[in-house]
Amino acid sequence: MVDNIVHEFSKENLQIYIGNSLRSQYLTKYLSEIGAKTFVVEERYVDKDYMIDYQKFYSRSFKEISKFTTRIHFFSEDFSLETFYKSLETNQVDYLKSSYLGFVVVRPIKSSNDQPLIGRTVLKTYPLVDGDEKRFFVTASYTASLFGVPLVIESLPYQEQDQGVSACATIALWSALNPLSGIFGTIRHSPAEITEVATSFPSPYRAFPSSGLTWEQMINYVRSIGLDIEVIGAESGNIITTAVKAYLNAGLPLVAALVLKRRREMSRHAVVISGYRCDRKRRVKELYVHDDQIGPYSRVTPRDDSFQEWENEWLQMGYDSVKVEKLLVPVYPKIRLTFPRIYAYYREFKKKIEKRELDIDLELFLTWIEKYKEYLLSKNINNKIKVLTIPMPKYMWVVRAYYDDEPVFDDVFDGTSVYLQHLLTVKYI
């Protein structure tokens, strides 16, 4: 038995296990912000994603590399090693379940800077309510068993890029597609498997070690697992925030293609938009991004009042600008009504409201029949029985009007139609 597996959360204690890279520093800061007080170390952990990558790449290295990882579990409760052992003996583990903040997997390989690589990481999000403002995140339910204690966390997985088997685009796809297996039933691949499939599309670069995927290879991979893609140009800050809200509310993360500029140099980078924060008028004030070079839920604020350009950690690392070039959204093929078509309707509707100076806010979002009817069931609407029993397509686009933070009406469109097809208007009472 390991003598000391329970530690007080501190930078010094955690650094022993996760090192002092920029990712590690960010994780320490983030965990502090969400209230970490104690962590428990699980040695010789078999991580599925790393094991596949190990089989495909690291097992063939001359250097002896372990197939085991270290998994670190975090809690918002203070407790000692003795208390923890007693809890296991008596099965008094409710405080562990209620205070669980998630885990970080540390891979037994080092970066070029001789720092441990951060593997599959699943951590609790920021609180959903922030004063008068609200946060929205794409999450799925993930489980972990700590010495027999069943733990559950709602999150979106993150990991650091490993240039042996995956660069930023691969990690962005891995993270963005992870929750979609529960929504669309798609297969989950490890980073090495994603790189392997994606690079079957012709490229002048080697698959392993990975030098990164092209935009076309990313699209090729998404289609190979039975999904289609929506590519959205970032012509304005408004289209970016509208797309973010529309898809994140449906549980679909967005991959953002970024252009990083530093003096005369320009490089491209891929991240996952995993959440946003908005005010009572539903105006987006902050984005949250899974960036393999920074960490999970990295805060992004608009530069010059537009989310076309970002203020985030990249500027602190010496870059002059971070600009969104385009967005990629993995969607189910039956969702045929494209975002540009429904957005054009939404934009014109919004212009008419603004011209008439009506105190009404509009929101556009994608949904599906079960989720939408469950929402309507909890509301007071006109002709409720008729609306709930009327046949509807599996997927729908909804333009919702709000007055003083309360829904007024929904314009509902067939998401499975190629063209704009209005289904019904739902009026709230």
Protein backbone atom coordinates (compact mmCIF):
# COMPACT_ATOMS: atom_id res chain seq x y z
CA MET A 1 0.00 0.00 0.00
CA VAL A 2 1.25 3.48 -0.88
CA ASP A 3 1.99 5.34 2.34
CA ASN A 4 0.72 8.76 1.29
CA ILE A 5 -2.01 9.05 -1.34
CA VAL A 6 -4.02 11.89 0.23
CA HIS A 7 -2.63 15.43 0.01
CA GLU A 8 -3.70 18.91 0.92
CA PHE A 9 -4.26 20.87 -2.29
CA SER A 10 -1.42 23.29 -2.90
CA LYS A 11 0.78 24.32 -5.79
CA GLU A 12 3.82 22.68 -4.22
CA ASN A 13 2.08 19.36 -3.50
CA LEU A 14 0.44 19.14 -6.90
CA GLN A 15 3.58 20.14 -8.80
CA ILE A 16 5.26 16.91 -7.66
CA TYR A 17 2.82 14.97 -9.85
CA ILE A 18 1.88 17.28 -12.74
CA GLY A 19 5.07 19.32 -13.11
CA ASN A 20 5.36 23.03 -13.80
CA SER A 21 4.43 23.42 -17.46
CA LEU A 22 2.06 26.19 -18.60
CA ARG A 23 -0.75 23.61 -18.69
CA SER A 24 0.08 22.47 -15.16
CA GLN A 25 0.18 26.04 -13.89
CA TYR A 26 -3.19 26.73 -15.48
CA LEU A 27 -4.72 23.57 -14.00
CA THR A 28 -3.49 24.52 -10.53
CA LYS A 29 -5.06 27.95 -10.89
CA TYR A 30 -8.33 26.57 -12.26
CA LEU A 31 -8.64 23.95 -9.53
CA SER A 32 -8.07 26.64 -6.93
CA GLU A 33 -10.86 28.73 -8.49
CA ILE A 34 -13.38 25.88 -8.33
CA GLY A 35 -12.52 25.20 -4.68
CA ALA A 36 -10.10 22.26 -4.55
CA LYS A 37 -9.01 21.44 -0.99
CA THR A 38 -7.71 17.86 -1.17
CA PHE A 39 -6.44 15.45 -3.82
CA VAL A 40 -6.03 11.68 -3.85
CA VAL A 41 -3.39 9.97 -6.00
CA GLU A 42 -4.20 6.73 -7.86
CA GLU A 43 -1.00 5.08 -9.11
CA ARG A 44 -0.69 2.51 -11.94
CA TYR A 45 -3.96 3.60 -13.49
CA VAL A 46 -4.85 2.08 -16.87
CA ASP A 47 -6.25 4.88 -19.05
CA LYS A 48 -8.03 3.61 -22.17
CA ASP A 49 -7.03 6.50 -24.44
CA TYR A 50 -3.39 6.32 -23.42
CA MET A 51 -3.34 2.53 -23.70
CA ILE A 52 -4.46 2.73 -27.35
CA ASP A 53 -1.86 5.41 -28.07
CA TYR A 54 0.72 3.29 -26.27
CA GLN A 55 -0.11 0.25 -28.42
CA LYS A 56 0.02 2.23 -31.65
CA PHE A 57 3.12 4.30 -30.95
CA TYR A 58 4.96 4.22 -27.63
CA SER A 59 5.25 0.43 -27.25
CA ARG A 60 7.55 0.46 -30.30
CA SER A 61 9.96 2.99 -28.86
CA PHE A 62 13.50 1.95 -27.95
CA LYS A 63 13.17 3.88 -24.70
CA GLU A 64 11.24 1.95 -22.09
CA ILE A 65 7.95 3.75 -21.47
CA SER A 66 5.37 2.61 -18.94
CA LYS A 67 1.89 1.61 -20.02
CA PHE A 68 0.49 2.91 -16.71
CA THR A 69 -0.59 6.44 -15.87
CA THR A 70 -1.23 8.33 -12.63
CA ARG A 71 -4.75 9.59 -11.97
CA ILE A 72 -5.30 12.42 -9.49
CA HIS A 73 -8.76 13.00 -7.99
CA PHE A 74 -9.78 16.38 -6.56
CA PHE A 75 -12.26 17.25 -3.83
CA SER A 76 -13.65 20.45 -2.32
CA GLU A 77 -13.66 18.84 1.13
CA ASP A 78 -10.77 18.84 3.63
CA PHE A 79 -9.86 15.34 4.85
CA SER A 80 -6.81 13.40 5.97
CA LEU A 81 -5.36 10.04 4.96
CA GLU A 82 -6.73 8.49 8.17
CA THR A 83 -10.22 9.88 7.52
CA PHE A 84 -10.10 8.60 3.96
CA TYR A 85 -9.09 5.06 4.97
CA LYS A 86 -11.75 4.99 7.68
CA SER A 87 -14.33 6.06 5.10
CA LEU A 88 -13.37 3.13 2.88
CA GLU A 89 -13.55 0.68 5.79
CA THR A 90 -17.00 1.85 6.91
CA ASN A 91 -18.36 2.78 3.45
CA GLN A 92 -19.09 6.30 4.71
CA VAL A 93 -18.21 7.95 1.41
CA ASP A 94 -21.02 10.41 0.76
CA TYR A 95 -18.72 13.38 1.44
CA LEU A 96 -16.41 12.14 -1.34
CA LYS A 97 -19.27 11.94 -3.82
CA SER A 98 -20.72 15.35 -2.97
CA SER A 99 -17.36 17.17 -2.99
CA TYR A 100 -15.89 15.55 -6.12
CA LEU A 101 -14.33 18.00 -8.61
CA GLY A 102 -13.02 15.48 -11.17
CA PHE A 103 -9.65 14.04 -12.12
CA VAL A 104 -6.45 14.62 -14.09
CA VAL A 105 -4.54 11.78 -15.76
CA VAL A 106 -0.76 12.26 -15.97
CA ARG A 107 0.90 10.31 -18.79
CA PRO A 108 4.29 8.65 -18.17
CA ILE A 109 5.89 10.61 -21.00
CA LYS A 110 7.57 14.00 -21.02
CA SER A 111 7.33 17.03 -23.26
CA SER A 112 10.32 18.56 -25.03
CA ASN A 113 10.70 20.73 -21.91
CA ASP A 114 10.94 17.60 -19.73
CA GLN A 115 7.52 18.18 -18.17
CA PRO A 116 4.86 15.47 -17.63
CA LEU A 117 2.15 15.42 -20.31
CA ILE A 118 -1.40 15.97 -19.09
CA GLY A 119 -3.68 13.20 -20.31
CA ARG A 120 -7.46 12.76 -20.12
CA THR A 121 -8.76 15.40 -17.73
CA VAL A 122 -12.37 15.69 -16.57
CA LEU A 123 -13.05 18.60 -14.21
CA LYS A 124 -16.09 20.37 -12.85
CA THR A 125 -17.15 23.52 -14.70
CA TYR A 126 -17.35 27.01 -13.26
CA PRO A 127 -20.63 27.62 -11.34
CA LEU A 128 -23.63 28.02 -13.66
CA VAL A 129 -24.83 31.17 -11.90
CA ASP A 130 -22.55 34.19 -11.53
CA GLY A 131 -24.54 36.99 -9.88
CA ASP A 132 -27.10 38.23 -12.42
CA GLU A 133 -25.33 36.35 -15.20
CA LYS A 134 -25.49 32.71 -16.25
CA ARG A 135 -23.04 30.22 -17.70
CA PHE A 136 -23.80 27.45 -20.19
CA PHE A 137 -21.49 24.51 -20.88
CA VAL A 138 -21.50 21.44 -23.07
CA THR A 139 -21.17 18.50 -20.71
CA ALA A 140 -21.78 14.79 -20.47
CA SER A 141 -21.80 12.52 -17.44
CA TYR A 142 -18.48 10.78 -16.72
CA THR A 143 -17.84 8.23 -14.02
CA ALA A 144 -14.73 7.26 -12.07
CA SER A 145 -14.17 4.53 -9.53
CA LEU A 146 -11.73 5.48 -6.77
CA PHE A 147 -10.84 2.30 -4.87
CA GLY A 148 -14.46 1.18 -5.26
CA VAL A 149 -16.08 4.56 -4.57
CA PRO A 150 -18.33 5.49 -7.54
CA LEU A 151 -17.84 9.13 -8.51
CA VAL A 152 -19.69 11.15 -11.16
CA ILE A 153 -18.80 14.45 -12.81
CA GLU A 154 -20.50 16.55 -15.51
CA SER A 155 -17.83 17.90 -17.80
CA LEU A 156 -16.15 17.96 -21.21
CA PRO A 157 -12.85 16.02 -21.40
CA TYR A 158 -9.57 17.80 -22.03
CA GLN A 159 -5.98 16.76 -22.62
CA GLU A 160 -2.71 18.28 -23.72
CA GLN A 161 -1.43 17.66 -27.23
CA ASP A 162 1.20 14.95 -27.61
CA GLN A 163 3.19 15.49 -30.78
CA GLY A 164 3.98 11.81 -30.93
CA VAL A 165 0.38 10.94 -31.78
CA SER A 166 -1.66 14.15 -31.82
CA ALA A 167 -1.39 17.88 -32.42
CA CYS A 168 -3.93 20.60 -31.58
CA ALA A 169 -6.46 19.72 -34.31
CA THR A 170 -6.56 16.07 -33.22
CA ILE A 171 -7.11 17.01 -29.58
CA ALA A 172 -9.81 19.52 -30.55
CA LEU A 173 -11.68 16.77 -32.44
CA TRP A 174 -11.18 14.29 -29.60
CA SER A 175 -12.63 16.72 -27.07
CA ALA A 176 -15.47 18.07 -29.24
CA LEU A 177 -16.67 14.63 -30.39
CA ASN A 178 -16.48 12.99 -26.96
CA PRO A 179 -19.99 13.92 -25.74
CA LEU A 180 -21.58 13.23 -29.15
CA SER A 181 -21.39 9.47 -28.66
CA GLY A 182 -24.21 9.86 -26.15
CA ILE A 183 -26.27 12.11 -28.44
CA PHE A 184 -25.69 10.52 -31.86
CA GLY A 185 -24.24 7.12 -30.92
CA THR A 186 -20.91 7.76 -32.67
CA ILE A 187 -17.74 5.85 -31.81
CA ARG A 188 -15.13 7.31 -29.45
CA HIS A 189 -11.55 7.17 -30.69
CA SER A 190 -8.28 7.88 -28.92
CA PRO A 191 -6.08 10.73 -30.23
CA ALA A 192 -3.84 8.26 -32.09
CA GLU A 193 -6.86 6.65 -33.75
CA ILE A 194 -8.20 10.05 -34.82
CA THR A 195 -4.84 10.96 -36.35
CA GLU A 196 -4.63 7.58 -38.08
CA VAL A 197 -8.08 7.87 -39.68
CA ALA A 198 -7.80 11.58 -40.51
CA THR A 199 -4.46 11.17 -42.28
CA SER A 200 -5.90 8.57 -44.63
CA PHE A 201 -6.86 11.71 -46.53
CA PRO A 202 -3.81 12.57 -48.70
CA SER A 203 -1.25 14.88 -47.12
CA PRO A 204 2.47 15.51 -47.66
CA TYR A 205 3.11 15.03 -43.94
CA ARG A 206 3.66 11.93 -41.82
CA ALA A 207 0.87 10.52 -39.67
CA PHE A 208 3.25 9.73 -36.75
CA PRO A 209 4.91 11.72 -35.30
CA SER A 210 1.96 14.03 -35.81
CA SER A 211 2.62 17.43 -37.34
CA GLY A 212 -1.05 18.38 -37.20
CA LEU A 213 -4.14 17.90 -39.33
CA THR A 214 -5.32 20.07 -42.19
CA TRP A 215 -8.85 21.47 -42.16
CA GLU A 216 -9.75 18.97 -44.90
CA GLN A 217 -8.41 16.06 -42.84
CA MET A 218 -10.48 17.18 -39.84
CA ILE A 219 -13.60 17.22 -42.01
CA ASN A 220 -12.64 13.84 -43.46
CA TYR A 221 -12.45 12.33 -39.99
CA VAL A 222 -15.80 13.76 -38.84
CA ARG A 223 -17.51 12.28 -41.91
CA SER A 224 -15.76 8.93 -41.44
CA ILE A 225 -17.61 8.36 -38.14
CA GLY A 226 -21.04 9.01 -39.64
CA LEU A 227 -21.46 12.71 -38.94
CA ASP A 228 -21.55 15.70 -41.24
CA ILE A 229 -20.06 19.11 -40.68
CA GLU A 230 -21.23 22.70 -40.65
CA VAL A 231 -18.49 25.17 -41.52
CA ILE A 232 -19.35 28.72 -40.45
CA GLY A 233 -17.33 31.70 -41.59
CA ALA A 234 -16.49 34.21 -38.87
CA GLU A 235 -17.50 37.33 -40.82
CA SER A 236 -18.76 39.11 -37.72
CA GLY A 237 -18.76 38.84 -33.97
CA ASN A 238 -22.54 38.48 -34.01
CA ILE A 239 -22.51 35.36 -36.18
CA ILE A 240 -19.92 33.80 -33.86
CA THR A 241 -21.90 34.39 -30.65
CA THR A 242 -25.18 33.37 -32.31
CA ALA A 243 -23.64 30.10 -33.54
CA VAL A 244 -22.05 29.43 -30.16
CA LYS A 245 -25.37 29.80 -28.34
CA ALA A 246 -27.34 27.91 -30.99
CA TYR A 247 -25.15 24.81 -30.91
CA LEU A 248 -23.92 24.76 -27.31
CA ASN A 249 -27.51 24.82 -26.07
CA ALA A 250 -28.05 21.66 -28.14
CA GLY A 251 -25.02 20.04 -26.52
CA LEU A 252 -22.78 20.37 -29.57
CA PRO A 253 -19.29 21.86 -29.05
CA LEU A 254 -17.74 24.01 -31.77
CA VAL A 255 -14.18 23.75 -33.07
CA ALA A 256 -12.72 27.21 -33.71
CA ALA A 257 -9.93 27.72 -36.22
CA LEU A 258 -7.72 30.51 -34.89
CA VAL A 259 -5.06 32.67 -36.50
CA LEU A 260 -2.32 33.64 -34.05
CA LYS A 261 -0.14 36.58 -35.00
CA ARG A 262 3.15 37.67 -33.45
CA ARG A 263 4.99 40.45 -35.26
CA ARG A 264 5.33 39.17 -38.83
CA GLU A 265 4.72 35.54 -37.97
CA MET A 266 1.34 33.86 -38.36
CA SER A 267 0.30 30.40 -37.18
CA ARG A 268 -2.95 28.48 -37.07
CA HIS A 269 -4.46 26.75 -34.08
CA ALA A 270 -7.61 24.75 -33.26
CA VAL A 271 -9.56 24.91 -29.98
CA VAL A 272 -12.96 23.81 -28.70
CA ILE A 273 -15.56 26.35 -27.57
CA SER A 274 -17.05 24.56 -24.58
CA GLY A 275 -19.21 27.22 -22.92
CA TYR A 276 -20.23 30.85 -22.57
CA ARG A 277 -21.42 33.38 -20.00
CA CYS A 278 -24.24 35.83 -20.74
CA ASP A 279 -26.11 38.65 -19.00
CA ARG A 280 -29.87 38.95 -18.38
CA LYS A 281 -30.34 40.24 -21.95
CA ARG A 282 -28.62 37.04 -23.20
CA ARG A 283 -25.66 38.99 -24.55
CA VAL A 284 -22.51 36.86 -24.54
CA LYS A 285 -19.88 38.36 -22.25
CA GLU A 286 -17.33 35.54 -22.10
CA LEU A 287 -16.47 32.29 -23.88
CA TYR A 288 -14.89 29.20 -22.34
CA VAL A 289 -12.43 27.27 -24.43
CA HIS A 290 -10.68 23.91 -24.21
CA ASP A 291 -7.24 24.80 -25.55
CA ASP A 292 -4.67 21.99 -25.52
CA GLN A 293 -1.88 24.54 -25.07
CA ILE A 294 -3.58 26.31 -22.14
CA GLY A 295 -6.15 24.17 -20.35
CA PRO A 296 -9.88 23.44 -19.95
CA TYR A 297 -12.45 26.23 -19.63
CA SER A 298 -9.97 28.95 -20.49
CA ARG A 299 -11.71 32.34 -20.33
CA VAL A 300 -12.04 34.38 -23.54
CA THR A 301 -13.30 37.97 -23.64
CA PRO A 302 -13.89 40.03 -26.80
CA ARG A 303 -11.27 42.40 -28.09
CA ASP A 304 -12.76 45.70 -29.26
CA ASP A 305 -16.28 44.42 -28.37
CA SER A 306 -16.14 41.64 -30.95
CA PHE A 307 -15.52 37.93 -30.50
CA GLN A 308 -13.81 37.92 -33.89
CA GLU A 309 -10.69 38.79 -31.92
CA TRP A 310 -9.98 37.30 -28.50
CA GLU A 311 -8.41 38.43 -25.27
CA ASN A 312 -6.95 35.37 -23.54
CA GLU A 313 -3.74 33.69 -22.40
CA TRP A 314 -2.22 33.74 -25.90
CA LEU A 315 -1.77 37.51 -25.61
CA GLN A 316 -0.03 36.98 -22.27
CA MET A 317 2.34 34.58 -24.04
CA GLY A 318 3.53 37.31 -26.40
CA TYR A 319 1.12 37.09 -29.33
CA ASP A 320 -0.22 40.32 -30.81
CA SER A 321 -3.64 39.02 -31.81
CA VAL A 322 -5.90 35.97 -31.70
CA LYS A 323 -8.54 35.96 -34.44
CA VAL A 324 -11.30 33.48 -35.28
CA GLU A 325 -11.09 32.39 -38.91
CA LYS A 326 -14.01 29.92 -39.01
CA LEU A 327 -16.00 27.45 -36.94
CA LEU A 328 -16.53 23.73 -37.49
CA VAL A 329 -19.58 22.03 -35.95
CA PRO A 330 -20.02 18.23 -36.15
CA VAL A 331 -23.74 17.58 -36.80
CA TYR A 332 -25.97 14.59 -37.49
CA PRO A 333 -26.67 14.17 -41.25
CA LYS A 334 -30.45 14.40 -40.70
CA ILE A 335 -29.99 18.03 -39.58
CA ARG A 336 -30.26 19.39 -43.12
CA LEU A 337 -31.37 22.96 -42.50
CA THR A 338 -28.02 24.71 -42.41
CA PHE A 339 -27.01 27.39 -39.97
CA PRO A 340 -26.54 30.11 -42.66
CA ARG A 341 -30.15 29.67 -43.83
CA ILE A 342 -31.77 29.84 -40.41
CA TYR A 343 -29.35 32.58 -39.35
CA ALA A 344 -30.45 34.74 -42.32
CA TYR A 345 -34.07 34.49 -41.11
CA TYR A 346 -33.05 35.21 -37.51
CA ARG A 347 -30.95 38.22 -38.56
CA GLU A 348 -33.79 39.78 -40.60
CA PHE A 349 -36.28 39.17 -37.82
CA LYS A 350 -33.89 40.84 -35.35
CA LYS A 351 -33.51 43.86 -37.65
CA LYS A 352 -37.30 44.34 -37.81
CA ILE A 353 -37.57 44.23 -34.02
CA GLU A 354 -34.75 46.74 -33.61
CA LYS A 355 -36.28 49.03 -36.27
CA ARG A 356 -39.60 49.06 -34.42
CA GLU A 357 -37.71 49.60 -31.12
CA LEU A 358 -39.50 46.71 -29.44
CA ASP A 359 -38.16 45.64 -26.05
CA ILE A 360 -37.82 42.01 -27.17
CA ASP A 361 -34.74 39.80 -27.19
CA LEU A 362 -34.30 36.99 -29.71
CA GLU A 363 -32.42 33.73 -29.34
CA LEU A 364 -31.71 31.05 -31.95
CA PHE A 365 -31.03 27.46 -31.00
CA LEU A 366 -31.06 23.90 -32.26
CA THR A 367 -33.05 21.27 -30.36
CA TRP A 368 -34.67 17.86 -30.76
CA ILE A 369 -38.24 16.69 -30.18
CA GLU A 370 -37.83 15.00 -26.78
CA LYS A 371 -35.94 17.90 -25.24
CA TYR A 372 -38.24 20.55 -26.72
CA LYS A 373 -41.51 18.89 -25.72
CA GLU A 374 -40.20 18.23 -22.22
CA TYR A 375 -39.53 21.97 -21.94
CA LEU A 376 -43.01 22.85 -23.22
CA LEU A 377 -44.57 20.41 -20.77
CA SER A 378 -43.24 22.53 -17.90
CA LYS A 379 -44.57 25.81 -19.35
CA ASN A 380 -47.93 27.51 -19.78
CA ILE A 381 -48.62 27.79 -23.51
CA ASN A 382 -51.64 28.27 -25.75
CA ASN A 383 -53.27 25.06 -27.02
CA LYS A 384 -50.90 23.00 -24.89
CA ILE A 385 -52.46 19.58 -25.62
CA LYS A 386 -52.50 20.26 -29.37
CA VAL A 387 -48.88 21.43 -29.38
CA LEU A 388 -47.63 18.50 -27.30
CA THR A 389 -49.44 15.90 -29.40
CA ILE A 390 -48.71 17.32 -32.83
CA PRO A 391 -46.12 15.24 -34.79
CA MET A 392 -42.77 16.99 -35.11
CA PRO A 393 -39.47 16.12 -36.80
CA LYS A 394 -36.57 14.76 -34.75
CA TYR A 395 -34.54 18.00 -35.01
CA MET A 396 -35.81 21.59 -35.00
CA TRP A 397 -34.48 25.12 -35.12
CA VAL A 398 -36.22 27.52 -32.75
CA VAL A 399 -36.23 31.31 -32.78
CA ARG A 400 -37.41 32.33 -29.30
CA ALA A 401 -38.58 35.83 -28.35
CA TYR A 402 -38.13 37.03 -24.76
CA TYR A 403 -39.58 39.96 -22.88
CA ASP A 404 -38.07 40.80 -19.49
CA ASP A 405 -36.29 37.43 -19.40
CA GLU A 406 -39.53 35.48 -19.98
CA PRO A 407 -40.36 33.60 -23.22
CA VAL A 408 -43.10 35.21 -25.33
CA PHE A 409 -43.24 32.94 -28.38
CA ASP A 410 -41.26 30.38 -30.40
CA ASP A 411 -41.04 30.18 -34.16
CA VAL A 412 -40.28 26.52 -34.84
CA PHE A 413 -38.65 25.29 -38.07
CA ASP A 414 -38.07 21.81 -39.44
CA GLY A 415 -34.40 21.02 -38.89
CA THR A 416 -34.56 18.03 -41.24
CA SER A 417 -35.73 20.16 -44.20
CA VAL A 418 -33.28 21.45 -46.77
CA TYR A 419 -35.19 24.74 -47.05
CA LEU A 420 -36.72 27.01 -44.43
CA GLN A 421 -39.98 25.32 -43.45
CA HIS A 422 -41.99 26.89 -40.62
CA LEU A 423 -43.79 24.28 -38.51
CA LEU A 424 -45.68 26.29 -35.89
CA THR A 425 -45.61 29.23 -33.53
CA VAL A 426 -45.80 28.45 -29.81
CA LYS A 427 -47.19 31.27 -27.67
CA TYR A 428 -46.43 31.44 -23.94
CA ILE A 429 -49.03 32.69 -21.46
